[in-house]
PDB file of N, CA and C in Angstrom:
ATOM      1  N   UNK A   1    -123.643 -27.383  31.277  1.00  0.00           N
ATOM      2  CA  UNK A   1    -124.632 -27.883  32.355  1.00  0.00           C
ATOM      3  C   UNK A   1    -124.926 -29.432  31.954  1.00  0.00           C
ATOM      4  N   UNK A   2    -124.748 -29.731  30.761  1.00  0.00           N
ATOM      5  CA  UNK A   2    -124.955 -31.157  30.333  1.00  0.00           C
ATOM      6  C   UNK A   2    -123.888 -32.047  31.182  1.00  0.00           C
ATOM      7  N   UNK A   3    -122.604 -31.637  31.259  1.00  0.00           N
ATOM      8  CA  UNK A   3    -121.673 -32.460  32.038  1.00  0.00           C
ATOM      9  C   UNK A   3    -122.130 -32.434  33.573  1.00  0.00           C
ATOM     10  N   UNK A   4    -122.610 -31.475  34.008  1.00  0.00           N
ATOM     11  CA  UNK A   4    -123.184 -31.369  35.478  1.00  0.00           C
ATOM     12  C   UNK A   4    -124.135 -32.414  35.714  1.00  0.00           C
ATOM     13  N   UNK A   5    -125.067 -32.653  34.939  1.00  0.00           N
ATOM     14  CA  UNK A   5    -126.145 -33.688  35.064  1.00  0.00           C
ATOM     15  C   UNK A   5    -125.577 -35.101  34.781  1.00  0.00           C
ATOM     16  N   UNK A   6    -124.598 -35.193  33.831  1.00  0.00           N
ATOM     17  CA  UNK A   6    -124.020 -36.508  33.583  1.00  0.00           C
ATOM     18  C   UNK A   6    -123.387 -37.022  34.674  1.00  0.00           C
ATOM     19  N   UNK A   7    -122.727 -36.109  35.600  1.00  0.00           N
ATOM     20  CA  UNK A   7    -121.846 -36.635  36.711  1.00  0.00           C
ATOM     21  C   UNK A   7    -122.554 -36.456  38.071  1.00  0.00           C
ATOM     22  N   UNK A   8    -123.839 -36.221  38.059  1.00  0.00           N
ATOM     23  CA  UNK A   8    -124.482 -36.274  39.351  1.00  0.00           C
ATOM     24  C   UNK A   8    -125.679 -37.225  39.501  1.00  0.00           C
ATOM     25  N   UNK A   9    -126.279 -37.387  40.548  1.00  0.00           N
ATOM     26  CA  UNK A   9    -127.281 -38.464  40.793  1.00  0.00           C
ATOM     27  C   UNK A   9    -128.720 -37.808  40.329  1.00  0.00           C
ATOM     28  N   UNK A  10    -128.768 -36.620  39.853  1.00  0.00           N
ATOM     29  CA  UNK A  10    -130.049 -35.970  39.590  1.00  0.00           C
ATOM     30  C   UNK A  10    -130.903 -36.858  38.425  1.00  0.00           C
ATOM     31  N   UNK A  11    -131.993 -37.331  38.707  1.00  0.00           N
ATOM     32  CA  UNK A  11    -132.654 -37.988  37.582  1.00  0.00           C
ATOM     33  C   UNK A  11    -133.731 -37.242  37.137  1.00  0.00           C
ATOM     34  N   UNK A  12    -134.277 -36.179  37.808  1.00  0.00           N
ATOM     35  CA  UNK A  12    -135.404 -35.346  37.227  1.00  0.00           C
ATOM     36  C   UNK A  12    -135.076 -33.801  37.655  1.00  0.00           C
ATOM     37  N   UNK A  13    -134.817 -32.973  36.787  1.00  0.00           N
ATOM     38  CA  UNK A  13    -134.976 -31.434  37.074  1.00  0.00           C
ATOM     39  C   UNK A  13    -136.326 -31.013  36.994  1.00  0.00           C
ATOM     40  N   UNK A  14    -136.725 -30.097  37.873  1.00  0.00           N
ATOM     41  CA  UNK A  14    -138.178 -29.638  37.967  1.00  0.00           C
ATOM     42  C   UNK A  14    -138.304 -28.150  37.688  1.00  0.00           C
ATOM     43  N   UNK A  15    -139.481 -27.661  37.289  1.00  0.00           N
ATOM     44  CA  UNK A  15    -139.782 -26.204  37.061  1.00  0.00           C
ATOM     45  C   UNK A  15    -141.363 -26.109  37.477  1.00  0.00           C
ATOM     46  N   UNK A  16    -141.641 -24.974  37.712  1.00  0.00           N
ATOM     47  CA  UNK A  16    -143.012 -24.666  38.050  1.00  0.00           C
ATOM     48  C   UNK A  16    -143.341 -23.498  36.983  1.00  0.00           C
ATOM     49  N   UNK A  17    -144.740 -23.553  36.583  1.00  0.00           N
ATOM     50  CA  UNK A  17    -145.271 -22.553  35.633  1.00  0.00           C
ATOM     51  C   UNK A  17    -146.752 -22.415  35.826  1.00  0.00           C
ATOM     52  N   UNK A  18    -147.203 -21.176  35.850  1.00  0.00           N
ATOM     53  CA  UNK A  18    -148.681 -20.913  36.021  1.00  0.00           C
ATOM     54  C   UNK A  18    -149.326 -21.484  34.689  1.00  0.00           C
ATOM     55  N   UNK A  19    -150.558 -22.164  34.849  1.00  0.00           N
ATOM     56  CA  UNK A  19    -151.131 -22.773  33.540  1.00  0.00           C
ATOM     57  C   UNK A  19    -151.534 -21.973  32.556  1.00  0.00           C
ATOM     58  N   UNK A  20    -151.697 -20.490  32.876  1.00  0.00           N
ATOM     59  CA  UNK A  20    -152.127 -19.523  31.856  1.00  0.00           C
ATOM     60  C   UNK A  20    -150.872 -18.765  31.112  1.00  0.00           C
ATOM     61  N   UNK A  21    -149.654 -19.213  31.648  1.00  0.00           N
ATOM     62  CA  UNK A  21    -148.362 -18.752  30.982  1.00  0.00           C
ATOM     63  C   UNK A  21    -147.991 -19.629  30.046  1.00  0.00           C
ATOM     64  N   UNK A  22    -148.753 -19.554  28.810  1.00  0.00           N
ATOM     65  CA  UNK A  22    -148.669 -20.403  27.661  1.00  0.00           C
ATOM     66  C   UNK A  22    -147.153 -20.498  27.033  1.00  0.00           C
ATOM     67  N   UNK A  23    -146.588 -19.236  26.946  1.00  0.00           N
ATOM     68  CA  UNK A  23    -145.296 -19.015  26.348  1.00  0.00           C
ATOM     69  C   UNK A  23    -144.229 -19.898  27.174  1.00  0.00           C
ATOM     70  N   UNK A  24    -144.303 -19.656  28.530  1.00  0.00           N
ATOM     71  CA  UNK A  24    -143.440 -20.497  29.387  1.00  0.00           C
ATOM     72  C   UNK A  24    -143.658 -21.906  29.340  1.00  0.00           C
ATOM     73  N   UNK A  25    -144.829 -22.376  29.297  1.00  0.00           N
ATOM     74  CA  UNK A  25    -145.322 -23.764  29.290  1.00  0.00           C
ATOM     75  C   UNK A  25    -144.854 -24.417  28.063  1.00  0.00           C
ATOM     76  N   UNK A  26    -144.965 -23.684  26.851  1.00  0.00           N
ATOM     77  CA  UNK A  26    -144.430 -24.118  25.654  1.00  0.00           C
ATOM     78  C   UNK A  26    -142.971 -24.310  25.478  1.00  0.00           C
ATOM     79  N   UNK A  27    -142.299 -23.237  26.012  1.00  0.00           N
ATOM     80  CA  UNK A  27    -140.893 -23.352  26.169  1.00  0.00           C
ATOM     81  C   UNK A  27    -140.312 -24.518  26.985  1.00  0.00           C
ATOM     82  N   UNK A  28    -141.014 -24.835  28.049  1.00  0.00           N
ATOM     83  CA  UNK A  28    -140.643 -26.007  28.778  1.00  0.00           C
ATOM     84  C   UNK A  28    -140.803 -27.254  28.076  1.00  0.00           C
ATOM     85  N   UNK A  29    -142.061 -27.365  27.432  1.00  0.00           N
ATOM     86  CA  UNK A  29    -142.322 -28.517  26.660  1.00  0.00           C
ATOM     87  C   UNK A  29    -141.453 -28.706  25.396  1.00  0.00           C
ATOM     88  N   UNK A  30    -140.845 -27.715  24.870  1.00  0.00           N
ATOM     89  CA  UNK A  30    -140.116 -27.597  23.835  1.00  0.00           C
ATOM     90  C   UNK A  30    -138.604 -28.288  24.198  1.00  0.00           C
ATOM     91  N   UNK A  31    -138.276 -28.086  25.461  1.00  0.00           N
ATOM     92  CA  UNK A  31    -136.970 -28.740  25.855  1.00  0.00           C
ATOM     93  C   UNK A  31    -137.211 -30.118  26.613  1.00  0.00           C
ATOM     94  N   UNK A  32    -138.399 -30.542  26.571  1.00  0.00           N
ATOM     95  CA  UNK A  32    -138.545 -31.881  27.080  1.00  0.00           C
ATOM     96  C   UNK A  32    -139.243 -32.167  28.409  1.00  0.00           C
ATOM     97  N   UNK A  33    -139.732 -30.944  29.047  1.00  0.00           N
ATOM     98  CA  UNK A  33    -140.477 -31.016  30.248  1.00  0.00           C
ATOM     99  C   UNK A  33    -141.838 -31.559  29.923  1.00  0.00           C
ATOM    100  N   UNK A  34    -142.409 -32.270  30.998  1.00  0.00           N
ATOM    101  CA  UNK A  34    -143.685 -32.742  30.798  1.00  0.00           C
ATOM    102  C   UNK A  34    -144.546 -32.366  32.240  1.00  0.00           C
ATOM    103  N   UNK A  35    -145.759 -32.266  32.123  1.00  0.00           N
ATOM    104  CA  UNK A  35    -146.527 -31.887  33.220  1.00  0.00           C
ATOM    105  C   UNK A  35    -146.466 -33.044  34.150  1.00  0.00           C
ATOM    106  N   UNK A  36    -146.057 -32.858  35.437  1.00  0.00           N
ATOM    107  CA  UNK A  36    -145.986 -33.962  36.424  1.00  0.00           C
ATOM    108  C   UNK A  36    -147.166 -33.877  37.497  1.00  0.00           C
ATOM    109  N   UNK A  37    -147.415 -32.730  37.980  1.00  0.00           N
ATOM    110  CA  UNK A  37    -148.512 -32.369  38.926  1.00  0.00           C
ATOM    111  C   UNK A  37    -149.014 -31.093  38.753  1.00  0.00           C
ATOM    112  N   UNK A  38    -150.190 -30.889  39.419  1.00  0.00           N
ATOM    113  CA  UNK A  38    -150.800 -29.489  39.534  1.00  0.00           C
ATOM    114  C   UNK A  38    -150.853 -29.250  40.977  1.00  0.00           C
ATOM    115  N   UNK A  39    -150.474 -28.120  41.574  1.00  0.00           N
ATOM    116  CA  UNK A  39    -150.465 -27.843  42.968  1.00  0.00           C
ATOM    117  C   UNK A  39    -150.631 -26.387  43.286  1.00  0.00           C
ATOM    118  N   UNK A  40    -151.198 -26.057  44.390  1.00  0.00           N
ATOM    119  CA  UNK A  40    -151.345 -24.721  45.007  1.00  0.00           C
ATOM    120  C   UNK A  40    -149.851 -24.472  45.536  1.00  0.00           C
ATOM    121  N   UNK A  41    -149.299 -23.484  45.156  1.00  0.00           N
ATOM    122  CA  UNK A  41    -147.991 -22.934  45.691  1.00  0.00           C
ATOM    123  C   UNK A  41    -147.876 -21.415  45.857  1.00  0.00           C
ATOM    124  N   UNK A  42    -146.864 -20.949  46.408  1.00  0.00           N
ATOM    125  CA  UNK A  42    -146.573 -19.474  46.420  1.00  0.00           C
ATOM    126  C   UNK A  42    -147.844 -18.705  46.895  1.00  0.00           C
ATOM    127  N   UNK A  43    -148.266 -19.061  48.083  1.00  0.00           N
ATOM    128  CA  UNK A  43    -149.335 -18.335  48.749  1.00  0.00           C
ATOM    129  C   UNK A  43    -150.691 -18.643  48.070  1.00  0.00           C
ATOM    130  N   UNK A  44    -150.779 -19.936  47.566  1.00  0.00           N
ATOM    131  CA  UNK A  44    -152.230 -20.469  47.171  1.00  0.00           C
ATOM    132  C   UNK A  44    -152.508 -20.278  45.693  1.00  0.00           C
ATOM    133  N   UNK A  45    -151.370 -20.095  44.855  1.00  0.00           N
ATOM    134  CA  UNK A  45    -151.446 -19.848  43.333  1.00  0.00           C
ATOM    135  C   UNK A  45    -151.289 -21.233  42.631  1.00  0.00           C
ATOM    136  N   UNK A  46    -152.126 -21.544  41.771  1.00  0.00           N
ATOM    137  CA  UNK A  46    -152.012 -22.876  41.097  1.00  0.00           C
ATOM    138  C   UNK A  46    -150.807 -22.860  40.167  1.00  0.00           C
ATOM    139  N   UNK A  47    -150.110 -23.889  40.201  1.00  0.00           N
ATOM    140  CA  UNK A  47    -149.046 -24.147  39.405  1.00  0.00           C
ATOM    141  C   UNK A  47    -148.889 -25.441  38.843  1.00  0.00           C
ATOM    142  N   UNK A  48    -148.394 -25.596  37.616  1.00  0.00           N
ATOM    143  CA  UNK A  48    -147.981 -26.939  37.252  1.00  0.00           C
ATOM    144  C   UNK A  48    -146.611 -27.192  37.595  1.00  0.00           C
ATOM    145  N   UNK A  49    -146.389 -28.313  37.947  1.00  0.00           N
ATOM    146  CA  UNK A  49    -144.992 -28.870  38.297  1.00  0.00           C
ATOM    147  C   UNK A  49    -144.579 -29.634  37.092  1.00  0.00           C
ATOM    148  N   UNK A  50    -143.404 -29.096  36.534  1.00  0.00           N
ATOM    149  CA  UNK A  50    -143.048 -29.642  35.191  1.00  0.00           C
ATOM    150  C   UNK A  50    -141.701 -30.531  35.558  1.00  0.00           C
ATOM    151  N   UNK A  51    -141.492 -31.545  35.023  1.00  0.00           N
ATOM    152  CA  UNK A  51    -140.241 -32.371  35.200  1.00  0.00           C
ATOM    153  C   UNK A  51    -139.716 -32.973  33.768  1.00  0.00           C
ATOM    154  N   UNK A  52    -138.594 -33.165  33.931  1.00  0.00           N
ATOM    155  CA  UNK A  52    -137.832 -33.756  32.622  1.00  0.00           C
ATOM    156  C   UNK A  52    -137.049 -34.866  33.062  1.00  0.00           C
ATOM    157  N   UNK A  53    -137.188 -36.173  32.495  1.00  0.00           N
ATOM    158  CA  UNK A  53    -136.351 -37.283  32.830  1.00  0.00           C
ATOM    159  C   UNK A  53    -135.002 -37.167  32.087  1.00  0.00           C
ATOM    160  N   UNK A  54    -133.862 -37.389  32.731  1.00  0.00           N
ATOM    161  CA  UNK A  54    -132.624 -37.362  32.230  1.00  0.00           C
ATOM    162  C   UNK A  54    -132.151 -38.738  31.859  1.00  0.00           C
ATOM    163  N   UNK A  55    -131.778 -38.978  30.855  1.00  0.00           N
ATOM    164  CA  UNK A  55    -131.368 -40.246  30.341  1.00  0.00           C
ATOM    165  C   UNK A  55    -129.893 -40.415  30.370  1.00  0.00           C
TER     166      UNK A  55
END
């Protein structure tokens, strides 16, 4: 997967997580994702949009 990002124009991969899902939130943070936005998604459910900057 590393090679795929290195050879593409992708600057930010994104993920969504429910704010109460602490295990998933912590996992995303551990691999470098940061909270980007908070938004209602999936039928009005609150989600954090997480993103990671690729260097």
